[in-house]
C-alpha atoms as a PDB file:
ATOM      1  CA  MET A   1     -12.053  -8.707  11.187  1.00  0.00           C
ATOM      2  CA  ARG A   2      -9.859 -11.801  11.446  1.00  0.00           C
ATOM      3  CA  HIS A   3     -12.046 -13.633   8.959  1.00  0.00           C
ATOM      4  CA  ILE A   4     -11.654 -10.831   6.431  1.00  0.00           C
ATOM      5  CA  PHE A   5      -7.860 -11.028   6.635  1.00  0.00           C
ATOM      6  CA  SER A   6      -7.881 -14.835   6.332  1.00  0.00           C
ATOM      7  CA  LEU A   7     -10.149 -14.568   3.322  1.00  0.00           C
ATOM      8  CA  LEU A   8      -7.849 -11.962   1.748  1.00  0.00           C
ATOM      9  CA  PHE A   9      -4.793 -14.170   2.278  1.00  0.00           C
ATOM     10  CA  ILE A  10      -6.545 -16.967   0.378  1.00  0.00           C
ATOM     11  CA  VAL A  11      -8.542 -15.129  -2.298  1.00  0.00           C
ATOM     12  CA  ILE A  12      -5.996 -12.490  -3.397  1.00  0.00           C
ATOM     13  CA  PRO A  13      -3.131 -14.949  -4.101  1.00  0.00           C
ATOM     14  CA  ALA A  14      -5.539 -17.246  -5.960  1.00  0.00           C
ATOM     15  CA  LEU A  15      -6.732 -14.343  -8.114  1.00  0.00           C
ATOM     16  CA  GLU A  16      -3.106 -13.293  -8.717  1.00  0.00           C
ATOM     17  CA  ILE A  17      -2.278 -16.782  -9.975  1.00  0.00           C
ATOM     18  CA  VAL A  18      -5.266 -16.734 -12.328  1.00  0.00           C
ATOM     19  CA  VAL A  19      -4.298 -13.299 -13.712  1.00  0.00           C
ATOM     20  CA  LEU A  20      -0.641 -14.327 -14.119  1.00  0.00           C
ATOM     21  CA  VAL A  21      -1.577 -17.529 -15.970  1.00  0.00           C
ATOM     22  CA  LEU A  22      -3.991 -15.654 -18.246  1.00  0.00           C
ATOM     23  CA  SER A  23      -1.373 -12.976 -18.867  1.00  0.00           C
ATOM     24  CA  GLY A  24       1.227 -15.613 -19.664  1.00  0.00           C
ATOM     25  CA  GLN A  25      -1.144 -17.159 -22.184  1.00  0.00           C
ATOM     26  CA  ALA A  26      -2.095 -13.811 -23.734  1.00  0.00           C
ATOM     27  CA  ILE A  27       1.299 -12.067 -24.049  1.00  0.00           C
ATOM     28  CA  GLY A  28       3.765 -14.838 -23.269  1.00  0.00           C
ATOM     29  CA  VAL A  29       5.845 -15.939 -20.305  1.00  0.00           C
ATOM     30  CA  TRP A  30       8.836 -13.615 -20.757  1.00  0.00           C
ATOM     31  CA  PRO A  31       6.835 -10.410 -21.300  1.00  0.00           C
ATOM     32  CA  THR A  32       4.792 -11.274 -18.197  1.00  0.00           C
ATOM     33  CA  PHE A  33       7.983 -11.895 -16.237  1.00  0.00           C
ATOM     34  CA  THR A  34       9.464  -8.617 -17.507  1.00  0.00           C
ATOM     35  CA  LEU A  35       6.345  -6.686 -16.490  1.00  0.00           C
ATOM     36  CA  ILE A  36       6.459  -8.165 -12.985  1.00  0.00           C
ATOM     37  CA  VAL A  37      10.140  -7.282 -12.538  1.00  0.00           C
ATOM     38  CA  ALA A  38       9.664  -3.799 -14.047  1.00  0.00           C
ATOM     39  CA  THR A  39       6.755  -2.948 -11.751  1.00  0.00           C
ATOM     40  CA  GLY A  40       8.836  -4.086  -8.771  1.00  0.00           C
ATOM     41  CA  ILE A  41      11.769  -1.863  -9.759  1.00  0.00           C
ATOM     42  CA  ILE A  42       9.573   1.147 -10.586  1.00  0.00           C
ATOM     43  CA  GLY A  43       7.587   0.627  -7.380  1.00  0.00           C
ATOM     44  CA  ALA A  44      10.712   0.481  -5.227  1.00  0.00           C
ATOM     45  CA  PHE A  45      11.995   3.693  -6.825  1.00  0.00           C
ATOM     46  CA  LEU A  46       8.692   5.545  -6.364  1.00  0.00           C
ATOM     47  CA  ALA A  47       8.212   4.306  -2.804  1.00  0.00           C
ATOM     48  CA  LYS A  48      11.741   5.384  -1.843  1.00  0.00           C
ATOM     49  CA  ARG A  49      11.356   8.824  -3.407  1.00  0.00           C
ATOM     50  CA  GLN A  50       7.948   9.507  -1.903  1.00  0.00           C
ATOM     51  CA  GLY A  51       8.969   7.980   1.424  1.00  0.00           C
ATOM     52  CA  ILE A  52      11.921  10.334   1.751  1.00  0.00           C
ATOM     53  CA  TYR A  53       9.689  13.297   0.865  1.00  0.00           C
ATOM     54  CA  THR A  54       7.108  12.196   3.456  1.00  0.00           C
ATOM     55  CA  LEU A  55       9.768  11.762   6.139  1.00  0.00           C
ATOM     56  CA  GLN A  56      10.906  15.315   5.427  1.00  0.00           C
ATOM     57  CA  ARG A  57       7.312  16.542   5.798  1.00  0.00           C
ATOM     58  CA  VAL A  58       6.976  14.716   9.131  1.00  0.00           C
ATOM     59  CA  LYS A  59      10.238  16.264  10.329  1.00  0.00           C
ATOM     60  CA  ASP A  60       9.173  19.764   9.250  1.00  0.00           C
ATOM     61  CA  GLU A  61       5.786  19.474  10.961  1.00  0.00           C
ATOM     62  CA  LEU A  62       7.365  18.193  14.169  1.00  0.00           C
ATOM     63  CA  MET A  63       9.876  21.052  14.131  1.00  0.00           C
ATOM     64  CA  ARG A  64       6.955  23.510  13.867  1.00  0.00           C
ATOM     65  CA  GLY A  65       5.251  21.814  16.826  1.00  0.00           C
ATOM     66  CA  HIS A  66       2.411  20.259  14.835  1.00  0.00           C
ATOM     67  CA  ILE A  67       1.245  16.664  14.949  1.00  0.00           C
ATOM     68  CA  PRO A  68       2.072  15.198  11.502  1.00  0.00           C
ATOM     69  CA  SER A  69      -1.127  13.158  11.154  1.00  0.00           C
ATOM     70  CA  ASP A  70      -1.616  13.736   7.415  1.00  0.00           C
ATOM     71  CA  ALA A  71       2.027  12.971   6.642  1.00  0.00           C
ATOM     72  CA  LEU A  72       1.901   9.827   8.785  1.00  0.00           C
ATOM     73  CA  LEU A  73      -1.161   8.589   6.888  1.00  0.00           C
ATOM     74  CA  ASP A  74       0.739   9.258   3.656  1.00  0.00           C
ATOM     75  CA  GLY A  75       3.636   7.260   5.072  1.00  0.00           C
ATOM     76  CA  ILE A  76       1.371   4.308   5.870  1.00  0.00           C
ATOM     77  CA  CYS A  77      -0.075   4.391   2.348  1.00  0.00           C
ATOM     78  CA  ILE A  78       3.415   4.600   0.806  1.00  0.00           C
ATOM     79  CA  LEU A  79       4.688   1.720   2.937  1.00  0.00           C
ATOM     80  CA  VAL A  80       1.752  -0.520   2.034  1.00  0.00           C
ATOM     81  CA  GLY A  81       1.873   0.561  -1.627  1.00  0.00           C
ATOM     82  CA  GLY A  82       5.611  -0.123  -1.896  1.00  0.00           C
ATOM     83  CA  THR A  83       5.188  -3.517  -0.270  1.00  0.00           C
ATOM     84  CA  LEU A  84       2.377  -4.422  -2.659  1.00  0.00           C
ATOM     85  CA  LEU A  85       4.488  -3.356  -5.643  1.00  0.00           C
ATOM     86  CA  LEU A  86       7.312  -5.634  -4.551  1.00  0.00           C
ATOM     87  CA  THR A  87       4.849  -8.532  -4.329  1.00  0.00           C
ATOM     88  CA  PRO A  88       4.575 -10.307  -7.693  1.00  0.00           C
ATOM     89  CA  GLY A  89       1.210  -9.934  -9.368  1.00  0.00           C
ATOM     90  CA  PHE A  90      -0.835  -7.468 -11.359  1.00  0.00           C
ATOM     91  CA  ILE A  91      -3.688  -6.961  -8.875  1.00  0.00           C
ATOM     92  CA  THR A  92      -1.338  -6.055  -6.015  1.00  0.00           C
ATOM     93  CA  ASP A  93       0.668  -3.849  -8.394  1.00  0.00           C
ATOM     94  CA  THR A  94      -2.461  -1.923  -9.368  1.00  0.00           C
ATOM     95  CA  VAL A  95      -3.413  -1.336  -5.727  1.00  0.00           C
ATOM     96  CA  GLY A  96       0.214  -0.475  -4.892  1.00  0.00           C
ATOM     97  CA  PHE A  97       0.453   2.141  -7.652  1.00  0.00           C
ATOM     98  CA  MET A  98      -2.846   3.657  -6.519  1.00  0.00           C
ATOM     99  CA  LEU A  99      -1.479   3.991  -2.977  1.00  0.00           C
ATOM    100  CA  LEU A 100       1.626   5.739  -4.310  1.00  0.00           C
ATOM    101  CA  LEU A 101      -0.316   8.302  -6.338  1.00  0.00           C
ATOM    102  CA  PRO A 102      -0.970  11.433  -4.239  1.00  0.00           C
ATOM    103  CA  LEU A 103      -4.364  12.009  -5.875  1.00  0.00           C
ATOM    104  CA  ALA A 104      -5.563   8.505  -5.014  1.00  0.00           C
ATOM    105  CA  ARG A 105      -4.139   8.768  -1.479  1.00  0.00           C
ATOM    106  CA  LYS A 106      -6.270  11.861  -0.962  1.00  0.00           C
ATOM    107  CA  LYS A 107      -9.362   9.719  -1.611  1.00  0.00           C
ATOM    108  CA  ILE A 108      -8.123   6.800   0.526  1.00  0.00           C
ATOM    109  CA  LYS A 109      -7.025   8.740   3.636  1.00  0.00           C
ATOM    110  CA  PRO A 110     -10.555   9.615   4.911  1.00  0.00           C
ATOM    111  CA  TRP A 111     -11.470   5.931   4.702  1.00  0.00           C
ATOM    112  CA  LEU A 112      -8.252   5.060   6.548  1.00  0.00           C
ATOM    113  CA  VAL A 113      -9.068   7.565   9.305  1.00  0.00           C
ATOM    114  CA  ARG A 114     -12.532   6.033   9.728  1.00  0.00           C
ATOM    115  CA  LEU A 115     -10.972   2.555   9.890  1.00  0.00           C
ATOM    116  CA  PHE A 116      -8.476   3.597  12.586  1.00  0.00           C
ATOM    117  CA  LYS A 117     -11.206   5.331  14.613  1.00  0.00           C
ATOM    118  CA  TRP A 118     -13.388   2.241  14.385  1.00  0.00           C
ATOM    119  CA  MET A 119     -10.473   0.047  15.493  1.00  0.00           C
ATOM    120  CA  PHE A 120      -9.774   2.274  18.499  1.00  0.00           C
ATOM    121  CA  TYR A 121     -13.427   2.635  19.534  1.00  0.00           C
ATOM    122  CA  THR A 122     -14.231  -1.070  19.216  1.00  0.00           C
ATOM    123  CA  LYS A 123     -10.994  -1.995  20.990  1.00  0.00           C
ATOM    124  CA  THR A 124      -9.886  -4.025  17.991  1.00  0.00           C
ATOM    125  CA  TRP A 125      -6.647  -2.086  18.183  1.00  0.00           C
ATOM    126  CA  MET A 126      -4.670  -2.464  21.383  1.00  0.00           C
ATOM    127  CA  TYR A 127      -2.434   0.332  22.580  1.00  0.00           C
ATOM    128  CA  ILE A 128      -0.584   0.864  25.831  1.00  0.00           C
ATOM    129  CA  ARG A 129      -0.956   4.172  27.605  1.00  0.00           C
ATOM    130  CA  LYS A 130       1.740   5.230  30.062  1.00  0.00           C
END
């Protein structure tokens, strides 16, 4: 698992640089810069709006006495998606927008549940039980 993360921290930024250079050559430096800034602003707005809505859902479910598992998974996706949108680059922006779209999150959440279960069962994830 550690090797996958190290690989991602090397490969993804390198791919982002390649895409940014190619974009700069194809449409120009200033349009590329404008697109990067615009996706950051739009992403921050969407993440804030959906984050507030998700927090309200968590609060409502807790008030009813339910565990807000689905809303918490949405919150994780929104947090990661918003962070990726604030990171400069077109690849991270694409993944970030997909994580902010409710339809795409519906497809991603089962995979996320399997990942968390695997992390708990293989003791990759450490938690403290009181």
